[in-house]
Amino acid sequence: MREVYVYWKLPPDLQAAAVAQVRAMHAQLIDAHPGLLARVLIRCDLSSGGQATLMEIFARPSVPTGVDEGLQQSIEAMAVAALAGLPAGPRHVEVFNDLNGRN
């Protein structure tokens, strides 16, 4: 099963606004794509130059392929629109497959 991890940095004073925007975006994605799970995490330390690091995790365990490339593109397109006003760093995308025999 394919999962997508997205991390990005922003000034700590924008954390609350960013998390609110991300959660709203996740709610829209979950409504549009049944079975999608979306989470947002924050890095525990601020050793990255005073910037906060957010991590978004997307999984779709009810679908054998998980988050396929089409859904990943939808996620990124929605993120561009939803987060356009934030002075945040670039979004870094990582894709992983689980090791339980499902790719």
C-alpha atoms as a PDB file:
ATOM      1  CA  MET A   1       0.000   0.000   0.000  1.00  0.00           C
ATOM      2  CA  ARG A   2       1.415   3.340  -1.075  1.00  0.00           C
ATOM      3  CA  GLU A   3       1.531   6.189   1.468  1.00  0.00           C
ATOM      4  CA  VAL A   4       2.524   9.813   0.942  1.00  0.00           C
ATOM      5  CA  TYR A   5       4.461  11.933   3.427  1.00  0.00           C
ATOM      6  CA  VAL A   6       4.800  15.681   2.928  1.00  0.00           C
ATOM      7  CA  TYR A   7       6.903  17.928   5.130  1.00  0.00           C
ATOM      8  CA  TRP A   8       7.474  21.654   5.012  1.00  0.00           C
ATOM      9  CA  LYS A   9       8.733  24.475   7.193  1.00  0.00           C
ATOM     10  CA  LEU A  10       7.216  27.754   8.239  1.00  0.00           C
ATOM     11  CA  PRO A  11       7.732  30.439  10.873  1.00  0.00           C
ATOM     12  CA  PRO A  12       6.455  29.234  14.279  1.00  0.00           C
ATOM     13  CA  ASP A  13       4.108  32.205  14.622  1.00  0.00           C
ATOM     14  CA  LEU A  14       2.149  30.911  11.600  1.00  0.00           C
ATOM     15  CA  GLN A  15       1.744  27.410  12.997  1.00  0.00           C
ATOM     16  CA  ALA A  16      -1.840  27.802  14.261  1.00  0.00           C
ATOM     17  CA  ALA A  17      -3.080  29.326  11.000  1.00  0.00           C
ATOM     18  CA  ALA A  18      -1.246  26.743   8.918  1.00  0.00           C
ATOM     19  CA  VAL A  19      -2.605  23.806  10.907  1.00  0.00           C
ATOM     20  CA  ALA A  20      -6.154  25.178  10.597  1.00  0.00           C
ATOM     21  CA  GLN A  21      -5.751  25.494   6.809  1.00  0.00           C
ATOM     22  CA  VAL A  22      -4.210  22.024   6.522  1.00  0.00           C
ATOM     23  CA  ARG A  23      -7.013  20.445   8.572  1.00  0.00           C
ATOM     24  CA  ALA A  24      -9.649  22.127   6.412  1.00  0.00           C
ATOM     25  CA  MET A  25      -7.875  20.878   3.277  1.00  0.00           C
ATOM     26  CA  HIS A  26      -7.660  17.362   4.739  1.00  0.00           C
ATOM     27  CA  ALA A  27     -11.397  17.386   5.487  1.00  0.00           C
ATOM     28  CA  GLN A  28     -12.154  18.287   1.865  1.00  0.00           C
ATOM     29  CA  LEU A  29      -9.829  15.556   0.588  1.00  0.00           C
ATOM     30  CA  ILE A  30     -11.353  12.952   2.899  1.00  0.00           C
ATOM     31  CA  ASP A  31     -14.855  13.897   1.735  1.00  0.00           C
ATOM     32  CA  ALA A  32     -13.808  13.664  -1.920  1.00  0.00           C
ATOM     33  CA  HIS A  33     -11.829  10.404  -1.613  1.00  0.00           C
ATOM     34  CA  PRO A  34     -13.548   7.713   0.484  1.00  0.00           C
ATOM     35  CA  GLY A  35     -11.161   5.753   2.670  1.00  0.00           C
ATOM     36  CA  LEU A  36      -8.446   8.408   2.679  1.00  0.00           C
ATOM     37  CA  LEU A  37      -6.765   9.021   6.021  1.00  0.00           C
ATOM     38  CA  ALA A  38      -4.920  12.308   6.535  1.00  0.00           C
ATOM     39  CA  ARG A  39      -2.899  13.472   9.522  1.00  0.00           C
ATOM     40  CA  VAL A  40      -0.791  16.494  10.353  1.00  0.00           C
ATOM     41  CA  LEU A  41       2.095  16.394  12.825  1.00  0.00           C
ATOM     42  CA  ILE A  42       4.558  18.976  14.076  1.00  0.00           C
ATOM     43  CA  ARG A  43       8.215  18.342  14.735  1.00  0.00           C
ATOM     44  CA  CYS A  44       8.962  18.231  18.448  1.00  0.00           C
ATOM     45  CA  ASP A  45      12.054  20.416  18.370  1.00  0.00           C
ATOM     46  CA  LEU A  46      12.816  23.711  16.694  1.00  0.00           C
ATOM     47  CA  SER A  47      16.449  22.942  15.887  1.00  0.00           C
ATOM     48  CA  SER A  48      15.791  23.597  12.208  1.00  0.00           C
ATOM     49  CA  GLY A  49      16.778  27.247  12.209  1.00  0.00           C
ATOM     50  CA  GLY A  50      13.833  28.477  14.273  1.00  0.00           C
ATOM     51  CA  GLN A  51      11.328  27.131  11.768  1.00  0.00           C
ATOM     52  CA  ALA A  52       8.422  24.847  12.609  1.00  0.00           C
ATOM     53  CA  THR A  53       8.247  21.653  10.538  1.00  0.00           C
ATOM     54  CA  LEU A  54       4.850  20.202   9.685  1.00  0.00           C
ATOM     55  CA  MET A  55       4.399  16.667   8.383  1.00  0.00           C
ATOM     56  CA  GLU A  56       1.301  15.545   6.536  1.00  0.00           C
ATOM     57  CA  ILE A  57       0.645  11.827   6.181  1.00  0.00           C
ATOM     58  CA  PHE A  58      -1.789  10.388   3.648  1.00  0.00           C
ATOM     59  CA  ALA A  59      -2.858   6.736   3.554  1.00  0.00           C
ATOM     60  CA  ARG A  60      -5.748   4.825   2.048  1.00  0.00           C
ATOM     61  CA  PRO A  61      -5.718   1.381   3.646  1.00  0.00           C
ATOM     62  CA  SER A  62      -9.109   0.378   2.256  1.00  0.00           C
ATOM     63  CA  VAL A  63      -7.708   0.484  -1.292  1.00  0.00           C
ATOM     64  CA  PRO A  64      -5.043  -2.105  -2.252  1.00  0.00           C
ATOM     65  CA  THR A  65      -2.885   0.480  -4.044  1.00  0.00           C
ATOM     66  CA  GLY A  66      -3.220   3.048  -1.260  1.00  0.00           C
ATOM     67  CA  VAL A  67      -2.602   6.633  -2.357  1.00  0.00           C
ATOM     68  CA  ASP A  68      -2.088   6.235  -6.094  1.00  0.00           C
ATOM     69  CA  GLU A  69      -0.394   8.826  -8.301  1.00  0.00           C
ATOM     70  CA  GLY A  70      -3.693  10.383  -9.354  1.00  0.00           C
ATOM     71  CA  LEU A  71      -4.757  10.952  -5.761  1.00  0.00           C
ATOM     72  CA  GLN A  72      -1.293  12.252  -4.920  1.00  0.00           C
ATOM     73  CA  GLN A  73      -1.643  14.824  -7.714  1.00  0.00           C
ATOM     74  CA  SER A  74      -5.056  15.838  -6.341  1.00  0.00           C
ATOM     75  CA  ILE A  75      -3.548  16.274  -2.880  1.00  0.00           C
ATOM     76  CA  GLU A  76      -0.765  18.468  -4.199  1.00  0.00           C
ATOM     77  CA  ALA A  77      -3.101  20.554  -6.370  1.00  0.00           C
ATOM     78  CA  MET A  78      -5.399  21.184  -3.432  1.00  0.00           C
ATOM     79  CA  ALA A  79      -2.421  22.059  -1.212  1.00  0.00           C
ATOM     80  CA  VAL A  80      -1.200  24.665  -3.683  1.00  0.00           C
ATOM     81  CA  ALA A  81      -4.584  26.377  -3.583  1.00  0.00           C
ATOM     82  CA  ALA A  82      -5.261  25.943   0.154  1.00  0.00           C
ATOM     83  CA  LEU A  83      -1.845  27.084   1.362  1.00  0.00           C
ATOM     84  CA  ALA A  84      -1.099  29.762  -1.233  1.00  0.00           C
ATOM     85  CA  GLY A  85      -1.150  32.647   1.244  1.00  0.00           C
ATOM     86  CA  LEU A  86       1.316  31.126   3.706  1.00  0.00           C
ATOM     87  CA  PRO A  87       4.962  32.216   3.562  1.00  0.00           C
ATOM     88  CA  ALA A  88       6.139  28.636   3.991  1.00  0.00           C
ATOM     89  CA  GLY A  89       9.052  26.721   2.580  1.00  0.00           C
ATOM     90  CA  PRO A  90       8.709  24.203  -0.244  1.00  0.00           C
ATOM     91  CA  ARG A  91       6.710  21.042   0.295  1.00  0.00           C
ATOM     92  CA  HIS A  92       8.930  17.956   0.234  1.00  0.00           C
ATOM     93  CA  VAL A  93       7.092  14.820  -0.861  1.00  0.00           C
ATOM     94  CA  GLU A  94       8.171  11.271   0.005  1.00  0.00           C
ATOM     95  CA  VAL A  95       6.323   8.132  -1.064  1.00  0.00           C
ATOM     96  CA  PHE A  96       6.625   4.795   0.735  1.00  0.00           C
ATOM     97  CA  ASN A  97       5.169   1.321   0.191  1.00  0.00           C
ATOM     98  CA  ASP A  98       4.411  -0.873   3.180  1.00  0.00           C
ATOM     99  CA  LEU A  99       6.163  -4.202   3.508  1.00  0.00           C
ATOM    100  CA  ASN A 100       3.073  -6.298   4.173  1.00  0.00           C
ATOM    101  CA  GLY A 101       2.886  -7.610   0.629  1.00  0.00           C
ATOM    102  CA  ARG A 102       0.643  -4.876  -0.730  1.00  0.00           C
ATOM    103  CA  ASN A 103       2.133  -2.305  -3.079  1.00  0.00           C
END
